[in-house]
Amino acid sequence: MNILEQLNNTKFLDNNEVDWLTSDILGEFECEHAKHCGDRRLIAWFLRNVAYLPYKRIADALSYFRAPQAYLADMKFASCAGMTFSISGVDKHKIDIMRSVADNYYDCKSNIYLDRVSNEYLEEALLFGACQACDVYDRKSNYNAGFELKKSPTESQLQNLKEVIETYELTNSPDVLLNAFEITKNE
């Protein structure tokens, strides 16, 4: 499957779906509130790597004080296995439970784990698409944490290409494309 097909098959969650998914996962782990859930960091990793959410939205969903705390929670699991976390086998049973909820109730079957994406354009498009769907973007002010965080992108070259292709398929006219999009030369 090429990266445009992968992007087209991806399910991005809106704000309500993010809240419902988080609540359903907390229910599966028998936690009444995110702050008191022992698996909160693992859930943060899952929300970033399957729903592609910006850290600000993860912080809101899991009652972290600020986005950097959600980032640190995600990074704890991303770096603990010494390899790609989603295939490391660490907490596999819990990840399978979360994946089952996301796949069966939120149609995330085609979403690949972000830590397995090897194409930087696809990674950028997945993170950007999630920001658009939930209408939450990481702000620079969220990242004055004393260390470098990789915030979610504010645009995506692959998403732009997808729009160009879709516009051309609808109109089948190069003139419509040229009028609808500004084409610039990179130097």
C-alpha atoms as a PDB file:
ATOM      1  CA  MET A   1       0.000   0.000   0.000  1.00  0.00           C
ATOM      2  CA  ASN A   2       1.431   3.387  -0.951  1.00  0.00           C
ATOM      3  CA  ILE A   3       1.481   6.310   1.435  1.00  0.00           C
ATOM      4  CA  LEU A   4      -1.486   8.098  -0.156  1.00  0.00           C
ATOM      5  CA  GLU A   5      -3.616   4.960   0.212  1.00  0.00           C
ATOM      6  CA  GLN A   6      -2.483   4.632   3.813  1.00  0.00           C
ATOM      7  CA  LEU A   7      -3.432   8.248   4.463  1.00  0.00           C
ATOM      8  CA  ASN A   8      -6.825   7.808   2.779  1.00  0.00           C
ATOM      9  CA  ASN A   9      -7.566   4.703   4.883  1.00  0.00           C
ATOM     10  CA  THR A  10      -6.669   6.367   8.174  1.00  0.00           C
ATOM     11  CA  LYS A  11      -9.437   7.222  10.610  1.00  0.00           C
ATOM     12  CA  PHE A  12      -8.928  10.547  12.364  1.00  0.00           C
ATOM     13  CA  LEU A  13     -10.968  11.124  15.507  1.00  0.00           C
ATOM     14  CA  ASP A  14     -12.886  14.284  16.310  1.00  0.00           C
ATOM     15  CA  ASN A  15     -12.980  15.725  19.836  1.00  0.00           C
ATOM     16  CA  ASN A  16     -16.027  13.729  20.925  1.00  0.00           C
ATOM     17  CA  GLU A  17     -14.537  10.489  19.637  1.00  0.00           C
ATOM     18  CA  VAL A  18     -11.271  11.208  21.480  1.00  0.00           C
ATOM     19  CA  ASP A  19     -13.189  11.694  24.725  1.00  0.00           C
ATOM     20  CA  TRP A  20     -15.255   8.550  24.153  1.00  0.00           C
ATOM     21  CA  LEU A  21     -12.214   6.455  23.220  1.00  0.00           C
ATOM     22  CA  THR A  22     -10.330   7.655  26.298  1.00  0.00           C
ATOM     23  CA  SER A  23     -13.334   6.933  28.506  1.00  0.00           C
ATOM     24  CA  ASP A  24     -13.784   3.470  26.982  1.00  0.00           C
ATOM     25  CA  ILE A  25     -10.108   2.621  27.483  1.00  0.00           C
ATOM     26  CA  LEU A  26     -10.217   3.846  31.086  1.00  0.00           C
ATOM     27  CA  GLY A  27     -13.304   1.666  31.561  1.00  0.00           C
ATOM     28  CA  GLU A  28     -11.479  -1.363  30.182  1.00  0.00           C
ATOM     29  CA  PHE A  29      -8.707  -0.729  32.718  1.00  0.00           C
ATOM     30  CA  GLU A  30     -11.351  -0.229  35.439  1.00  0.00           C
ATOM     31  CA  CYS A  31     -10.271   3.338  36.159  1.00  0.00           C
ATOM     32  CA  GLU A  32     -12.850   5.967  37.028  1.00  0.00           C
ATOM     33  CA  HIS A  33     -10.596   8.937  36.335  1.00  0.00           C
ATOM     34  CA  ALA A  34      -7.492   9.336  34.185  1.00  0.00           C
ATOM     35  CA  LYS A  35      -5.455  10.966  36.982  1.00  0.00           C
ATOM     36  CA  HIS A  36      -5.807   7.844  39.115  1.00  0.00           C
ATOM     37  CA  CYS A  37      -5.096   5.331  36.364  1.00  0.00           C
ATOM     38  CA  GLY A  38      -1.837   3.456  36.722  1.00  0.00           C
ATOM     39  CA  ASP A  39      -1.710   3.013  32.947  1.00  0.00           C
ATOM     40  CA  ARG A  40      -2.141   6.699  32.106  1.00  0.00           C
ATOM     41  CA  ARG A  41       1.317   6.926  30.494  1.00  0.00           C
ATOM     42  CA  LEU A  42       0.625   3.877  28.339  1.00  0.00           C
ATOM     43  CA  ILE A  43      -2.706   5.366  27.265  1.00  0.00           C
ATOM     44  CA  ALA A  44      -0.878   8.612  26.354  1.00  0.00           C
ATOM     45  CA  TRP A  45       1.516   6.603  24.193  1.00  0.00           C
ATOM     46  CA  PHE A  46      -1.437   4.842  22.548  1.00  0.00           C
ATOM     47  CA  LEU A  47      -3.326   8.073  21.816  1.00  0.00           C
ATOM     48  CA  ARG A  48      -0.230   9.516  20.127  1.00  0.00           C
ATOM     49  CA  ASN A  49       0.715   6.369  18.211  1.00  0.00           C
ATOM     50  CA  VAL A  50      -2.714   5.173  17.038  1.00  0.00           C
ATOM     51  CA  ALA A  51      -4.922   8.287  17.061  1.00  0.00           C
ATOM     52  CA  TYR A  52      -1.931  10.584  16.214  1.00  0.00           C
ATOM     53  CA  LEU A  53      -3.194  13.233  18.616  1.00  0.00           C
ATOM     54  CA  PRO A  54      -1.269  16.395  19.432  1.00  0.00           C
ATOM     55  CA  TYR A  55       0.198  16.435  22.922  1.00  0.00           C
ATOM     56  CA  LYS A  56      -2.128  19.244  23.966  1.00  0.00           C
ATOM     57  CA  ARG A  57      -5.165  17.070  23.195  1.00  0.00           C
ATOM     58  CA  ILE A  58      -3.624  14.066  24.978  1.00  0.00           C
ATOM     59  CA  ALA A  59      -2.990  16.278  28.010  1.00  0.00           C
ATOM     60  CA  ASP A  60      -6.648  17.359  27.984  1.00  0.00           C
ATOM     61  CA  ALA A  61      -7.963  13.814  27.557  1.00  0.00           C
ATOM     62  CA  LEU A  62      -5.818  12.358  30.332  1.00  0.00           C
ATOM     63  CA  SER A  63      -5.875  15.279  32.770  1.00  0.00           C
ATOM     64  CA  TYR A  64      -2.210  16.177  32.484  1.00  0.00           C
ATOM     65  CA  PHE A  65      -1.387  19.721  33.595  1.00  0.00           C
ATOM     66  CA  ARG A  66       0.249  20.678  30.278  1.00  0.00           C
ATOM     67  CA  ALA A  67       1.273  19.206  26.953  1.00  0.00           C
ATOM     68  CA  PRO A  68       4.893  18.547  28.028  1.00  0.00           C
ATOM     69  CA  GLN A  69       3.660  16.050  30.632  1.00  0.00           C
ATOM     70  CA  ALA A  70       1.824  14.145  27.867  1.00  0.00           C
ATOM     71  CA  TYR A  71       5.004  14.246  25.791  1.00  0.00           C
ATOM     72  CA  LEU A  72       7.074  12.835  28.647  1.00  0.00           C
ATOM     73  CA  ALA A  73       4.508  10.074  29.195  1.00  0.00           C
ATOM     74  CA  ASP A  74       4.666   9.137  25.501  1.00  0.00           C
ATOM     75  CA  MET A  75       8.467   9.240  25.451  1.00  0.00           C
ATOM     76  CA  LYS A  76       8.709   7.006  28.525  1.00  0.00           C
ATOM     77  CA  PHE A  77       7.305   4.137  26.489  1.00  0.00           C
ATOM     78  CA  ALA A  78       8.842   5.153  23.189  1.00  0.00           C
ATOM     79  CA  SER A  79      12.328   4.838  24.658  1.00  0.00           C
ATOM     80  CA  CYS A  80      11.959   2.113  27.298  1.00  0.00           C
ATOM     81  CA  ALA A  81      12.182  -0.946  25.083  1.00  0.00           C
ATOM     82  CA  GLY A  82      15.334   0.033  23.199  1.00  0.00           C
ATOM     83  CA  MET A  83      13.474  -0.723  19.970  1.00  0.00           C
ATOM     84  CA  THR A  84      10.171   0.079  18.268  1.00  0.00           C
ATOM     85  CA  PHE A  85       7.858  -0.010  21.273  1.00  0.00           C
ATOM     86  CA  SER A  86       4.755  -1.282  19.480  1.00  0.00           C
ATOM     87  CA  ILE A  87       6.566  -4.509  18.520  1.00  0.00           C
ATOM     88  CA  SER A  88       8.634  -4.879  21.690  1.00  0.00           C
ATOM     89  CA  GLY A  89       6.088  -7.010  23.533  1.00  0.00           C
ATOM     90  CA  VAL A  90       6.122  -4.689  26.548  1.00  0.00           C
ATOM     91  CA  ASP A  91       2.568  -4.351  27.907  1.00  0.00           C
ATOM     92  CA  LYS A  92       1.311  -6.252  24.845  1.00  0.00           C
ATOM     93  CA  HIS A  93      -1.884  -7.387  26.566  1.00  0.00           C
ATOM     94  CA  LYS A  94      -2.828  -3.820  27.518  1.00  0.00           C
ATOM     95  CA  ILE A  95      -1.982  -2.487  24.064  1.00  0.00           C
ATOM     96  CA  ASP A  96      -4.111  -5.236  22.523  1.00  0.00           C
ATOM     97  CA  ILE A  97      -7.050  -4.197  24.736  1.00  0.00           C
ATOM     98  CA  MET A  98      -6.723  -0.543  23.677  1.00  0.00           C
ATOM     99  CA  ARG A  99      -6.278  -1.534  20.037  1.00  0.00           C
ATOM    100  CA  SER A 100      -9.385  -3.695  20.170  1.00  0.00           C
ATOM    101  CA  VAL A 101     -11.474  -0.806  21.530  1.00  0.00           C
ATOM    102  CA  ALA A 102     -10.106   1.620  18.906  1.00  0.00           C
ATOM    103  CA  ASP A 103     -10.550  -0.826  16.035  1.00  0.00           C
ATOM    104  CA  ASN A 104     -13.979  -2.200  16.945  1.00  0.00           C
ATOM    105  CA  TYR A 105     -15.731   0.961  18.117  1.00  0.00           C
ATOM    106  CA  TYR A 106     -13.892   3.809  16.393  1.00  0.00           C
ATOM    107  CA  ASP A 107     -12.941   2.203  13.063  1.00  0.00           C
ATOM    108  CA  CYS A 108      -9.172   2.638  13.541  1.00  0.00           C
ATOM    109  CA  LYS A 109      -8.364  -0.753  11.965  1.00  0.00           C
ATOM    110  CA  SER A 110      -6.284   0.815   9.205  1.00  0.00           C
ATOM    111  CA  ASN A 111      -4.336   3.131  11.505  1.00  0.00           C
ATOM    112  CA  ILE A 112      -0.754   1.964  11.723  1.00  0.00           C
ATOM    113  CA  TYR A 113       1.372   2.575  14.783  1.00  0.00           C
ATOM    114  CA  LEU A 114       3.158   5.897  14.410  1.00  0.00           C
ATOM    115  CA  ASP A 115       6.399   4.384  15.673  1.00  0.00           C
ATOM    116  CA  ARG A 116       6.337   2.010  12.682  1.00  0.00           C
ATOM    117  CA  VAL A 117       5.934   4.739  10.056  1.00  0.00           C
ATOM    118  CA  SER A 118       9.174   5.048   8.133  1.00  0.00           C
ATOM    119  CA  ASN A 119       8.127   7.823   5.744  1.00  0.00           C
ATOM    120  CA  GLU A 120       8.477  11.325   7.192  1.00  0.00           C
ATOM    121  CA  TYR A 121       5.809  12.734   4.856  1.00  0.00           C
ATOM    122  CA  LEU A 122       3.276  10.144   5.999  1.00  0.00           C
ATOM    123  CA  GLU A 123       4.141  10.783   9.655  1.00  0.00           C
ATOM    124  CA  GLU A 124       3.674  14.517   9.124  1.00  0.00           C
ATOM    125  CA  ALA A 125       0.344  13.940   7.329  1.00  0.00           C
ATOM    126  CA  LEU A 126      -0.972  11.622  10.064  1.00  0.00           C
ATOM    127  CA  LEU A 127      -0.129  14.072  12.840  1.00  0.00           C
ATOM    128  CA  PHE A 128      -1.522  17.005  10.866  1.00  0.00           C
ATOM    129  CA  GLY A 129      -4.704  15.109   9.942  1.00  0.00           C
ATOM    130  CA  ALA A 130      -5.403  14.346  13.597  1.00  0.00           C
ATOM    131  CA  CYS A 131      -4.925  18.014  14.506  1.00  0.00           C
ATOM    132  CA  GLN A 132      -7.414  19.025  11.818  1.00  0.00           C
ATOM    133  CA  ALA A 133      -9.967  16.393  12.871  1.00  0.00           C
ATOM    134  CA  CYS A 134      -9.979  17.341  16.548  1.00  0.00           C
ATOM    135  CA  ASP A 135      -9.227  21.031  15.851  1.00  0.00           C
ATOM    136  CA  VAL A 136      -6.458  21.136  18.448  1.00  0.00           C
ATOM    137  CA  TYR A 137      -2.950  22.231  17.571  1.00  0.00           C
ATOM    138  CA  ASP A 138       0.143  22.279  19.708  1.00  0.00           C
ATOM    139  CA  ARG A 139       1.249  25.829  20.373  1.00  0.00           C
ATOM    140  CA  LYS A 140       4.799  26.945  20.861  1.00  0.00           C
ATOM    141  CA  SER A 141       3.875  28.196  24.333  1.00  0.00           C
ATOM    142  CA  ASN A 142       3.085  24.589  25.293  1.00  0.00           C
ATOM    143  CA  TYR A 143       6.717  23.731  24.800  1.00  0.00           C
ATOM    144  CA  ASN A 144       8.631  25.950  27.187  1.00  0.00           C
ATOM    145  CA  ALA A 145       9.516  22.894  29.209  1.00  0.00           C
ATOM    146  CA  GLY A 146      13.286  23.172  29.229  1.00  0.00           C
ATOM    147  CA  PHE A 147      13.763  20.424  26.645  1.00  0.00           C
ATOM    148  CA  GLU A 148      12.999  19.963  22.949  1.00  0.00           C
ATOM    149  CA  LEU A 149       9.629  18.470  22.071  1.00  0.00           C
ATOM    150  CA  LYS A 150       8.496  17.424  18.635  1.00  0.00           C
ATOM    151  CA  LYS A 151       5.195  19.225  18.284  1.00  0.00           C
ATOM    152  CA  SER A 152       2.530  18.282  15.803  1.00  0.00           C
ATOM    153  CA  PRO A 153       2.923  19.921  12.378  1.00  0.00           C
ATOM    154  CA  THR A 154       0.778  22.852  11.277  1.00  0.00           C
ATOM    155  CA  GLU A 155       0.753  21.756   7.631  1.00  0.00           C
ATOM    156  CA  SER A 156       1.465  18.681   5.551  1.00  0.00           C
ATOM    157  CA  GLN A 157       2.965  18.314   2.099  1.00  0.00           C
ATOM    158  CA  LEU A 158       1.305  14.927   1.634  1.00  0.00           C
ATOM    159  CA  GLN A 159      -2.114  16.316   2.651  1.00  0.00           C
ATOM    160  CA  ASN A 160      -1.602  19.117   0.127  1.00  0.00           C
ATOM    161  CA  LEU A 161      -0.733  16.595  -2.589  1.00  0.00           C
ATOM    162  CA  LYS A 162      -3.828  14.574  -1.700  1.00  0.00           C
ATOM    163  CA  GLU A 163      -5.982  17.702  -2.113  1.00  0.00           C
ATOM    164  CA  VAL A 164      -4.394  18.441  -5.491  1.00  0.00           C
ATOM    165  CA  ILE A 165      -5.075  14.907  -6.709  1.00  0.00           C
ATOM    166  CA  GLU A 166      -8.659  14.937  -5.421  1.00  0.00           C
ATOM    167  CA  THR A 167      -9.318  18.308  -7.058  1.00  0.00           C
ATOM    168  CA  TYR A 168      -7.912  17.071 -10.353  1.00  0.00           C
ATOM    169  CA  GLU A 169      -9.970  13.858 -10.167  1.00  0.00           C
ATOM    170  CA  LEU A 170     -13.145  15.878  -9.573  1.00  0.00           C
ATOM    171  CA  THR A 171     -12.561  18.424 -12.327  1.00  0.00           C
ATOM    172  CA  ASN A 172     -10.123  16.667 -14.656  1.00  0.00           C
ATOM    173  CA  SER A 173      -8.864  20.104 -15.553  1.00  0.00           C
ATOM    174  CA  PRO A 174      -5.302  21.379 -15.196  1.00  0.00           C
ATOM    175  CA  ASP A 175      -6.648  24.950 -15.318  1.00  0.00           C
ATOM    176  CA  VAL A 176      -8.744  24.390 -12.201  1.00  0.00           C
ATOM    177  CA  LEU A 177      -5.658  23.067 -10.431  1.00  0.00           C
ATOM    178  CA  LEU A 178      -3.541  26.019 -11.444  1.00  0.00           C
ATOM    179  CA  ASN A 179      -6.230  28.447 -10.281  1.00  0.00           C
ATOM    180  CA  ALA A 180      -6.884  26.641  -6.989  1.00  0.00           C
ATOM    181  CA  PHE A 181      -3.322  26.123  -5.790  1.00  0.00           C
ATOM    182  CA  GLU A 182      -0.283  28.330  -5.603  1.00  0.00           C
ATOM    183  CA  ILE A 183       2.706  26.501  -7.009  1.00  0.00           C
ATOM    184  CA  THR A 184       6.073  27.707  -5.793  1.00  0.00           C
ATOM    185  CA  LYS A 185       9.582  26.715  -6.669  1.00  0.00           C
ATOM    186  CA  ASN A 186      11.860  25.553  -3.860  1.00  0.00           C
ATOM    187  CA  GLU A 187      15.336  26.927  -4.165  1.00  0.00           C
END
